Amino acid sequence: MTDASMPHGGAGGSGSVRGRRGRLKGALGSHDRPASALAFRLILAWFGAAVLLAATVLAVVWAHHTLLAVVFAAGFLGACLNIYWVRQRLRHER
């Protein structure tokens, strides 16, 4: 990305940028502040966590495979971390 294509005509740190970068005015969903996809991403994160939890339980109960259960449990913890992160971003956005 070149300096000419960046907003406000230059790289960060120049004196011509007014206000805080990334802060948008207006109501959420308006032309000035378009709605983000964070709510949909939160739904996908919950679905992924549910699938990984079910896979962990099935790996333990049905397959009796410890290594597979550990891998799925690690994925479940990562999905829970993703849920937390998306919820924090969504709360910060509103």
PDB file of N, CA and C in Angstrom:
ATOM      1  N   MET A   1       0.854  -1.168   0.000  1.00  0.00           N
ATOM      2  CA  MET A   1       0.000   0.000   0.000  1.00  0.00           C
ATOM      3  C   MET A   1       0.900   1.231   0.000  1.00  0.00           C
ATOM      4  N   THR A   2       0.674   2.134  -0.877  1.00  0.00           N
ATOM      5  CA  THR A   2       1.484   3.344  -0.951  1.00  0.00           C
ATOM      6  C   THR A   2       0.896   4.413  -0.063  1.00  0.00           C
ATOM      7  N   ASP A   3       1.708   5.456   0.185  1.00  0.00           N
ATOM      8  CA  ASP A   3       1.230   6.555   1.018  1.00  0.00           C
ATOM      9  C   ASP A   3       0.062   7.287   0.386  1.00  0.00           C
ATOM     10  N   ALA A   4       0.030   7.341  -0.937  1.00  0.00           N
ATOM     11  CA  ALA A   4      -1.041   8.059  -1.623  1.00  0.00           C
ATOM     12  C   ALA A   4      -2.379   7.350  -1.476  1.00  0.00           C
ATOM     13  N   SER A   5      -2.352   6.016  -1.308  1.00  0.00           N
ATOM     14  CA  SER A   5      -3.610   5.285  -1.216  1.00  0.00           C
ATOM     15  C   SER A   5      -4.126   5.188   0.214  1.00  0.00           C
ATOM     16  N   MET A   6      -3.345   5.631   1.182  1.00  0.00           N
ATOM     17  CA  MET A   6      -3.785   5.561   2.572  1.00  0.00           C
ATOM     18  C   MET A   6      -4.736   6.702   2.874  1.00  0.00           C
ATOM     19  N   PRO A   7      -5.656   6.511   3.834  1.00  0.00           N
ATOM     20  CA  PRO A   7      -6.581   7.576   4.176  1.00  0.00           C
ATOM     21  C   PRO A   7      -5.844   8.793   4.717  1.00  0.00           C
ATOM     22  N   HIS A   8      -6.328   9.939   4.472  1.00  0.00           N
ATOM     23  CA  HIS A   8      -5.811  11.226   4.908  1.00  0.00           C
ATOM     24  C   HIS A   8      -4.448  11.527   4.311  1.00  0.00           C
ATOM     25  N   GLY A   9      -4.077  10.840   3.214  1.00  0.00           N
ATOM     26  CA  GLY A   9      -2.927  11.207   2.424  1.00  0.00           C
ATOM     27  C   GLY A   9      -1.558  10.900   2.991  1.00  0.00           C
ATOM     28  N   GLY A  10      -1.410   9.891   3.817  1.00  0.00           N
ATOM     29  CA  GLY A  10      -0.053   9.599   4.256  1.00  0.00           C
ATOM     30  C   GLY A  10       0.005   8.513   5.297  1.00  0.00           C
ATOM     31  N   ALA A  11       1.219   8.261   5.738  1.00  0.00           N
ATOM     32  CA  ALA A  11       1.448   7.222   6.736  1.00  0.00           C
ATOM     33  C   ALA A  11       1.031   7.723   8.107  1.00  0.00           C
ATOM     34  N   GLY A  12       0.906   6.780   9.032  1.00  0.00           N
ATOM     35  CA  GLY A  12       0.529   7.156  10.382  1.00  0.00           C
ATOM     36  C   GLY A  12       1.589   8.033  11.014  1.00  0.00           C
ATOM     37  N   GLY A  13       1.182   8.877  11.913  1.00  0.00           N
ATOM     38  CA  GLY A  13       2.121   9.747  12.576  1.00  0.00           C
ATOM     39  C   GLY A  13       2.235  11.115  11.938  1.00  0.00           C
ATOM     40  N   SER A  14       1.620  11.336  10.795  1.00  0.00           N
ATOM     41  CA  SER A  14       1.692  12.659  10.193  1.00  0.00           C
ATOM     42  C   SER A  14       0.722  13.584  10.905  1.00  0.00           C
ATOM     43  N   GLY A  15       1.001  14.849  10.886  1.00  0.00           N
ATOM     44  CA  GLY A  15       0.180  15.819  11.598  1.00  0.00           C
ATOM     45  C   GLY A  15      -1.147  16.108  10.938  1.00  0.00           C
ATOM     46  N   SER A  16      -1.393  15.625   9.730  1.00  0.00           N
ATOM     47  CA  SER A  16      -2.617  15.967   9.025  1.00  0.00           C
ATOM     48  C   SER A  16      -3.803  15.100   9.437  1.00  0.00           C
ATOM     49  N   VAL A  17      -3.581  14.037  10.209  1.00  0.00           N
ATOM     50  CA  VAL A  17      -4.666  13.140  10.601  1.00  0.00           C
ATOM     51  C   VAL A  17      -5.371  13.734  11.809  1.00  0.00           C
ATOM     52  N   ARG A  18      -6.687  13.946  11.688  1.00  0.00           N
ATOM     53  CA  ARG A  18      -7.455  14.522  12.785  1.00  0.00           C
ATOM     54  C   ARG A  18      -8.217  13.424  13.513  1.00  0.00           C
ATOM     55  N   GLY A  19      -8.325  13.522  14.820  1.00  0.00           N
ATOM     56  CA  GLY A  19      -9.088  12.558  15.605  1.00  0.00           C
ATOM     57  C   GLY A  19      -8.334  11.248  15.769  1.00  0.00           C
ATOM     58  N   ARG A  20      -8.993  10.315  16.399  1.00  0.00           N
ATOM     59  CA  ARG A  20      -8.388   8.999  16.598  1.00  0.00           C
ATOM     60  C   ARG A  20      -8.576   8.157  15.364  1.00  0.00           C
ATOM     61  N   ARG A  21      -7.551   7.420  14.978  1.00  0.00           N
ATOM     62  CA  ARG A  21      -7.675   6.504  13.835  1.00  0.00           C
ATOM     63  C   ARG A  21      -8.581   5.357  14.222  1.00  0.00           C
ATOM     64  N   GLY A  22      -9.435   4.935  13.306  1.00  0.00           N
ATOM     65  CA  GLY A  22     -10.294   3.793  13.539  1.00  0.00           C
ATOM     66  C   GLY A  22     -11.593   4.120  14.227  1.00  0.00           C
ATOM     67  N   ARG A  23     -11.774   5.318  14.699  1.00  0.00           N
ATOM     68  CA  ARG A  23     -13.016   5.694  15.370  1.00  0.00           C
ATOM     69  C   ARG A  23     -13.980   6.270  14.343  1.00  0.00           C
ATOM     70  N   LEU A  24     -15.143   5.673  14.247  1.00  0.00           N
ATOM     71  CA  LEU A  24     -16.122   6.104  13.264  1.00  0.00           C
ATOM     72  C   LEU A  24     -17.293   6.778  13.945  1.00  0.00           C
ATOM     73  N   LYS A  25     -17.867   7.747  13.305  1.00  0.00           N
ATOM     74  CA  LYS A  25     -19.012   8.475  13.848  1.00  0.00           C
ATOM     75  C   LYS A  25     -20.294   7.907  13.267  1.00  0.00           C
ATOM     76  N   GLY A  26     -21.391   8.156  13.926  1.00  0.00           N
ATOM     77  CA  GLY A  26     -22.691   7.731  13.423  1.00  0.00           C
ATOM     78  C   GLY A  26     -23.176   6.461  14.073  1.00  0.00           C
ATOM     79  N   ALA A  27     -24.424   6.136  13.812  1.00  0.00           N
ATOM     80  CA  ALA A  27     -25.054   4.946  14.376  1.00  0.00           C
ATOM     81  C   ALA A  27     -24.552   3.696  13.659  1.00  0.00           C
ATOM     82  N   LEU A  28     -24.505   2.588  14.392  1.00  0.00           N
ATOM     83  CA  LEU A  28     -24.083   1.328  13.808  1.00  0.00           C
ATOM     84  C   LEU A  28     -25.070   0.918  12.725  1.00  0.00           C
ATOM     85  N   GLY A  29     -24.575   0.631  11.553  1.00  0.00           N
ATOM     86  CA  GLY A  29     -25.422   0.272  10.416  1.00  0.00           C
ATOM     87  C   GLY A  29     -25.696   1.433   9.481  1.00  0.00           C
ATOM     88  N   SER A  30     -25.253   2.637   9.855  1.00  0.00           N
ATOM     89  CA  SER A  30     -25.454   3.789   8.981  1.00  0.00           C
ATOM     90  C   SER A  30     -24.346   3.851   7.942  1.00  0.00           C
ATOM     91  N   HIS A  31     -24.445   4.825   7.047  1.00  0.00           N
ATOM     92  CA  HIS A  31     -23.420   4.981   6.012  1.00  0.00           C
ATOM     93  C   HIS A  31     -22.070   5.340   6.625  1.00  0.00           C
ATOM     94  N   ASP A  32     -22.082   6.137   7.692  1.00  0.00           N
ATOM     95  CA  ASP A  32     -20.846   6.544   8.341  1.00  0.00           C
ATOM     96  C   ASP A  32     -20.206   5.416   9.149  1.00  0.00           C
ATOM     97  N   ARG A  33     -21.032   4.493   9.632  1.00  0.00           N
ATOM     98  CA  ARG A  33     -20.524   3.401  10.457  1.00  0.00           C
ATOM     99  C   ARG A  33     -21.219   2.099  10.064  1.00  0.00           C
ATOM    100  N   PRO A  34     -20.700   1.411   9.054  1.00  0.00           N
ATOM    101  CA  PRO A  34     -21.360   0.196   8.587  1.00  0.00           C
ATOM    102  C   PRO A  34     -21.304  -0.914   9.632  1.00  0.00           C
ATOM    103  N   ALA A  35     -22.315  -1.768   9.621  1.00  0.00           N
ATOM    104  CA  ALA A  35     -22.370  -2.885  10.558  1.00  0.00           C
ATOM    105  C   ALA A  35     -21.270  -3.894  10.238  1.00  0.00           C
ATOM    106  N   SER A  36     -20.676  -4.451  11.272  1.00  0.00           N
ATOM    107  CA  SER A  36     -19.611  -5.419  11.062  1.00  0.00           C
ATOM    108  C   SER A  36     -20.177  -6.829  11.089  1.00  0.00           C
ATOM    109  N   ALA A  37     -19.334  -7.764  10.768  1.00  0.00           N
ATOM    110  CA  ALA A  37     -19.738  -9.169  10.739  1.00  0.00           C
ATOM    111  C   ALA A  37     -19.403  -9.878  12.045  1.00  0.00           C
ATOM    112  N   LEU A  38     -19.167  -9.131  13.116  1.00  0.00           N
ATOM    113  CA  LEU A  38     -18.763  -9.749  14.370  1.00  0.00           C
ATOM    114  C   LEU A  38     -19.868 -10.590  14.991  1.00  0.00           C
ATOM    115  N   ALA A  39     -21.119 -10.183  14.844  1.00  0.00           N
ATOM    116  CA  ALA A  39     -22.212 -10.983  15.410  1.00  0.00           C
ATOM    117  C   ALA A  39     -22.297 -12.338  14.715  1.00  0.00           C
ATOM    118  N   PHE A  40     -22.143 -12.347  13.405  1.00  0.00           N
ATOM    119  CA  PHE A  40     -22.152 -13.613  12.669  1.00  0.00           C
ATOM    120  C   PHE A  40     -20.921 -14.446  13.028  1.00  0.00           C
ATOM    121  N   ARG A  41     -19.804 -13.792  13.219  1.00  0.00           N
ATOM    122  CA  ARG A  41     -18.595 -14.516  13.602  1.00  0.00           C
ATOM    123  C   ARG A  41     -18.744 -15.140  14.987  1.00  0.00           C
ATOM    124  N   LEU A  42     -19.481 -14.462  15.879  1.00  0.00           N
ATOM    125  CA  LEU A  42     -19.725 -15.023  17.203  1.00  0.00           C
ATOM    126  C   LEU A  42     -20.589 -16.280  17.111  1.00  0.00           C
ATOM    127  N   ILE A  43     -21.581 -16.270  16.240  1.00  0.00           N
ATOM    128  CA  ILE A  43     -22.412 -17.458  16.045  1.00  0.00           C
ATOM    129  C   ILE A  43     -21.569 -18.610  15.514  1.00  0.00           C
ATOM    130  N   LEU A  44     -20.705 -18.322  14.555  1.00  0.00           N
ATOM    131  CA  LEU A  44     -19.828 -19.366  14.016  1.00  0.00           C
ATOM    132  C   LEU A  44     -18.858 -19.886  15.081  1.00  0.00           C
ATOM    133  N   ALA A  45     -18.383 -19.007  15.948  1.00  0.00           N
ATOM    134  CA  ALA A  45     -17.464 -19.433  17.000  1.00  0.00           C
ATOM    135  C   ALA A  45     -18.163 -20.356  17.994  1.00  0.00           C
ATOM    136  N   TRP A  46     -19.416 -20.031  18.355  1.00  0.00           N
ATOM    137  CA  TRP A  46     -20.181 -20.907  19.247  1.00  0.00           C
ATOM    138  C   TRP A  46     -20.433 -22.264  18.596  1.00  0.00           C
ATOM    139  N   PHE A  47     -20.758 -22.257  17.317  1.00  0.00           N
ATOM    140  CA  PHE A  47     -20.991 -23.516  16.603  1.00  0.00           C
ATOM    141  C   PHE A  47     -19.716 -24.359  16.562  1.00  0.00           C
ATOM    142  N   GLY A  48     -18.596 -23.725  16.270  1.00  0.00           N
ATOM    143  CA  GLY A  48     -17.328 -24.446  16.234  1.00  0.00           C
ATOM    144  C   GLY A  48     -16.959 -25.029  17.587  1.00  0.00           C
ATOM    145  N   ALA A  49     -17.215 -24.276  18.654  1.00  0.00           N
ATOM    146  CA  ALA A  49     -16.929 -24.787  19.994  1.00  0.00           C
ATOM    147  C   ALA A  49     -17.819 -25.977  20.324  1.00  0.00           C
ATOM    148  N   ALA A  50     -19.086 -25.922  19.926  1.00  0.00           N
ATOM    149  CA  ALA A  50     -19.999 -27.042  20.182  1.00  0.00           C
ATOM    150  C   ALA A  50     -19.566 -28.295  19.417  1.00  0.00           C
ATOM    151  N   VAL A  51     -19.156 -28.120  18.178  1.00  0.00           N
ATOM    152  CA  VAL A  51     -18.704 -29.260  17.376  1.00  0.00           C
ATOM    153  C   VAL A  51     -17.440 -29.870  17.977  1.00  0.00           C
ATOM    154  N   LEU A  52     -16.498 -29.023  18.397  1.00  0.00           N
ATOM    155  CA  LEU A  52     -15.263 -29.536  18.986  1.00  0.00           C
ATOM    156  C   LEU A  52     -15.501 -30.198  20.340  1.00  0.00           C
ATOM    157  N   LEU A  53     -16.454 -29.690  21.118  1.00  0.00           N
ATOM    158  CA  LEU A  53     -16.793 -30.335  22.384  1.00  0.00           C
ATOM    159  C   LEU A  53     -17.409 -31.711  22.130  1.00  0.00           C
ATOM    160  N   ALA A  54     -18.312 -31.792  21.156  1.00  0.00           N
ATOM    161  CA  ALA A  54     -18.910 -33.084  20.811  1.00  0.00           C
ATOM    162  C   ALA A  54     -17.851 -34.058  20.292  1.00  0.00           C
ATOM    163  N   ALA A  55     -16.915 -33.568  19.505  1.00  0.00           N
ATOM    164  CA  ALA A  55     -15.842 -34.425  18.992  1.00  0.00           C
ATOM    165  C   ALA A  55     -14.949 -34.921  20.125  1.00  0.00           C
ATOM    166  N   THR A  56     -14.696 -34.071  21.110  1.00  0.00           N
ATOM    167  CA  THR A  56     -13.887 -34.485  22.256  1.00  0.00           C
ATOM    168  C   THR A  56     -14.582 -35.583  23.043  1.00  0.00           C
ATOM    169  N   VAL A  57     -15.863 -35.395  23.292  1.00  0.00           N
ATOM    170  CA  VAL A  57     -16.628 -36.401  24.038  1.00  0.00           C
ATOM    171  C   VAL A  57     -16.679 -37.709  23.261  1.00  0.00           C
ATOM    172  N   LEU A  58     -16.925 -37.639  21.966  1.00  0.00           N
ATOM    173  CA  LEU A  58     -16.974 -38.860  21.162  1.00  0.00           C
ATOM    174  C   LEU A  58     -15.616 -39.555  21.089  1.00  0.00           C
ATOM    175  N   ALA A  59     -14.538 -38.792  21.062  1.00  0.00           N
ATOM    176  CA  ALA A  59     -13.210 -39.401  21.021  1.00  0.00           C
ATOM    177  C   ALA A  59     -12.916 -40.158  22.312  1.00  0.00           C
ATOM    178  N   VAL A  60     -13.417 -39.649  23.425  1.00  0.00           N
ATOM    179  CA  VAL A  60     -13.187 -40.316  24.703  1.00  0.00           C
ATOM    180  C   VAL A  60     -14.116 -41.512  24.869  1.00  0.00           C
ATOM    181  N   VAL A  61     -15.415 -41.306  24.628  1.00  0.00           N
ATOM    182  CA  VAL A  61     -16.413 -42.332  24.925  1.00  0.00           C
ATOM    183  C   VAL A  61     -16.473 -43.413  23.850  1.00  0.00           C
ATOM    184  N   TRP A  62     -16.518 -43.013  22.617  1.00  0.00           N
ATOM    185  CA  TRP A  62     -16.765 -43.969  21.528  1.00  0.00           C
ATOM    186  C   TRP A  62     -15.474 -44.558  20.967  1.00  0.00           C
ATOM    187  N   ALA A  63     -14.489 -43.702  20.692  1.00  0.00           N
ATOM    188  CA  ALA A  63     -13.270 -44.177  20.044  1.00  0.00           C
ATOM    189  C   ALA A  63     -12.203 -44.627  21.037  1.00  0.00           C
ATOM    190  N   HIS A  64     -12.307 -44.211  22.290  1.00  0.00           N
ATOM    191  CA  HIS A  64     -11.307 -44.530  23.314  1.00  0.00           C
ATOM    192  C   HIS A  64      -9.902 -44.181  22.837  1.00  0.00           C
ATOM    193  N   HIS A  65      -9.785 -43.001  22.245  1.00  0.00           N
ATOM    194  CA  HIS A  65      -8.515 -42.564  21.668  1.00  0.00           C
ATOM    195  C   HIS A  65      -8.072 -41.296  22.402  1.00  0.00           C
ATOM    196  N   THR A  66      -7.071 -41.430  23.243  1.00  0.00           N
ATOM    197  CA  THR A  66      -6.642 -40.328  24.109  1.00  0.00           C
ATOM    198  C   THR A  66      -6.003 -39.190  23.315  1.00  0.00           C
ATOM    199  N   LEU A  67      -5.126 -39.521  22.385  1.00  0.00           N
ATOM    200  CA  LEU A  67      -4.446 -38.471  21.623  1.00  0.00           C
ATOM    201  C   LEU A  67      -5.444 -37.641  20.821  1.00  0.00           C
ATOM    202  N   LEU A  68      -6.413 -38.303  20.219  1.00  0.00           N
ATOM    203  CA  LEU A  68      -7.444 -37.585  19.470  1.00  0.00           C
ATOM    204  C   LEU A  68      -8.266 -36.689  20.397  1.00  0.00           C
ATOM    205  N   ALA A  69      -8.570 -37.175  21.579  1.00  0.00           N
ATOM    206  CA  ALA A  69      -9.316 -36.381  22.557  1.00  0.00           C
ATOM    207  C   ALA A  69      -8.520 -35.146  22.985  1.00  0.00           C
ATOM    208  N   VAL A  70      -7.211 -35.302  23.153  1.00  0.00           N
ATOM    209  CA  VAL A  70      -6.365 -34.164  23.542  1.00  0.00           C
ATOM    210  C   VAL A  70      -6.338 -33.120  22.429  1.00  0.00           C
ATOM    211  N   VAL A  71      -6.243 -33.561  21.193  1.00  0.00           N
ATOM    212  CA  VAL A  71      -6.226 -32.629  20.056  1.00  0.00           C
ATOM    213  C   VAL A  71      -7.552 -31.881  19.958  1.00  0.00           C
ATOM    214  N   PHE A  72      -8.665 -32.604  20.082  1.00  0.00           N
ATOM    215  CA  PHE A  72      -9.975 -31.950  20.028  1.00  0.00           C
ATOM    216  C   PHE A  72     -10.196 -31.024  21.226  1.00  0.00           C
ATOM    217  N   ALA A  73      -9.704 -31.418  22.398  1.00  0.00           N
ATOM    218  CA  ALA A  73      -9.843 -30.560  23.578  1.00  0.00           C
ATOM    219  C   ALA A  73      -9.045 -29.271  23.412  1.00  0.00           C
ATOM    220  N   ALA A  74      -7.854 -29.372  22.814  1.00  0.00           N
ATOM    221  CA  ALA A  74      -7.073 -28.160  22.542  1.00  0.00           C
ATOM    222  C   ALA A  74      -7.790 -27.261  21.542  1.00  0.00           C
ATOM    223  N   GLY A  75      -8.411 -27.870  20.538  1.00  0.00           N
ATOM    224  CA  GLY A  75      -9.201 -27.088  19.590  1.00  0.00           C
ATOM    225  C   GLY A  75     -10.396 -26.426  20.257  1.00  0.00           C
ATOM    226  N   PHE A  76     -11.023 -27.145  21.193  1.00  0.00           N
ATOM    227  CA  PHE A  76     -12.152 -26.579  21.936  1.00  0.00           C
ATOM    228  C   PHE A  76     -11.714 -25.383  22.771  1.00  0.00           C
ATOM    229  N   LEU A  77     -10.569 -25.490  23.430  1.00  0.00           N
ATOM    230  CA  LEU A  77     -10.063 -24.355  24.208  1.00  0.00           C
ATOM    231  C   LEU A  77      -9.731 -23.168  23.306  1.00  0.00           C
ATOM    232  N   GLY A  78      -9.192 -23.449  22.129  1.00  0.00           N
ATOM    233  CA  GLY A  78      -8.942 -22.369  21.168  1.00  0.00           C
ATOM    234  C   GLY A  78     -10.231 -21.718  20.700  1.00  0.00           C
ATOM    235  N   ALA A  79     -11.277 -22.516  20.501  1.00  0.00           N
ATOM    236  CA  ALA A  79     -12.572 -21.968  20.097  1.00  0.00           C
ATOM    237  C   ALA A  79     -13.166 -21.109  21.219  1.00  0.00           C
ATOM    238  N   CYS A  80     -12.968 -21.534  22.471  1.00  0.00           N
ATOM    239  CA  CYS A  80     -13.450 -20.733  23.603  1.00  0.00           C
ATOM    240  C   CYS A  80     -12.701 -19.401  23.683  1.00  0.00           C
ATOM    241  N   LEU A  81     -11.418 -19.430  23.412  1.00  0.00           N
ATOM    242  CA  LEU A  81     -10.639 -18.192  23.371  1.00  0.00           C
ATOM    243  C   LEU A  81     -11.131 -17.279  22.250  1.00  0.00           C
ATOM    244  N   ASN A  82     -11.484 -17.874  21.118  1.00  0.00           N
ATOM    245  CA  ASN A  82     -12.024 -17.092  20.006  1.00  0.00           C
ATOM    246  C   ASN A  82     -13.367 -16.472  20.380  1.00  0.00           C
ATOM    247  N   ILE A  83     -14.218 -17.206  21.085  1.00  0.00           N
ATOM    248  CA  ILE A  83     -15.502 -16.661  21.538  1.00  0.00           C
ATOM    249  C   ILE A  83     -15.269 -15.462  22.440  1.00  0.00           C
ATOM    250  N   TYR A  84     -14.338 -15.600  23.388  1.00  0.00           N
ATOM    251  CA  TYR A  84     -14.024 -14.490  24.292  1.00  0.00           C
ATOM    252  C   TYR A  84     -13.536 -13.273  23.513  1.00  0.00           C
ATOM    253  N   TRP A  85     -12.625 -13.499  22.559  1.00  0.00           N
ATOM    254  CA  TRP A  85     -12.062 -12.391  21.794  1.00  0.00           C
ATOM    255  C   TRP A  85     -13.127 -11.681  20.965  1.00  0.00           C
ATOM    256  N   VAL A  86     -14.005 -12.460  20.313  1.00  0.00           N
ATOM    257  CA  VAL A  86     -15.049 -11.852  19.482  1.00  0.00           C
ATOM    258  C   VAL A  86     -16.041 -11.092  20.354  1.00  0.00           C
ATOM    259  N   ARG A  87     -16.376 -11.638  21.524  1.00  0.00           N
ATOM    260  CA  ARG A  87     -17.303 -10.930  22.418  1.00  0.00           C
ATOM    261  C   ARG A  87     -16.703  -9.618  22.899  1.00  0.00           C
ATOM    262  N   GLN A  88     -15.405  -9.610  23.197  1.00  0.00           N
ATOM    263  CA  GLN A  88     -14.746  -8.375  23.613  1.00  0.00           C
ATOM    264  C   GLN A  88     -14.753  -7.349  22.487  1.00  0.00           C
ATOM    265  N   ARG A  89     -14.472  -7.783  21.267  1.00  0.00           N
ATOM    266  CA  ARG A  89     -14.492  -6.867  20.123  1.00  0.00           C
ATOM    267  C   ARG A  89     -15.892  -6.321  19.882  1.00  0.00           C
ATOM    268  N   LEU A  90     -16.885  -7.197  20.018  1.00  0.00           N
ATOM    269  CA  LEU A  90     -18.270  -6.772  19.813  1.00  0.00           C
ATOM    270  C   LEU A  90     -18.693  -5.776  20.887  1.00  0.00           C
ATOM    271  N   ARG A  91     -18.289  -6.010  22.128  1.00  0.00           N
ATOM    272  CA  ARG A  91     -18.603  -5.090  23.207  1.00  0.00           C
ATOM    273  C   ARG A  91     -17.891  -3.757  22.996  1.00  0.00           C
ATOM    274  N   HIS A  92     -16.658  -3.783  22.526  1.00  0.00           N
ATOM    275  CA  HIS A  92     -15.919  -2.553  22.280  1.00  0.00           C
ATOM    276  C   HIS A  92     -16.510  -1.766  21.121  1.00  0.00           C
ATOM    277  N   GLU A  93     -17.067  -2.484  20.133  1.00  0.00           N
ATOM    278  CA  GLU A  93     -17.636  -1.819  18.967  1.00  0.00           C
ATOM    279  C   GLU A  93     -18.909  -1.061  19.299  1.00  0.00           C
ATOM    280  N   ARG A  94     -19.671  -1.567  20.226  1.00  0.00           N
ATOM    281  CA  ARG A  94     -20.961  -0.938  20.579  1.00  0.00           C
ATOM    282  C   ARG A  94     -20.780   0.096  21.594  1.00  0.00           C
TER     283      ARG A  94
END
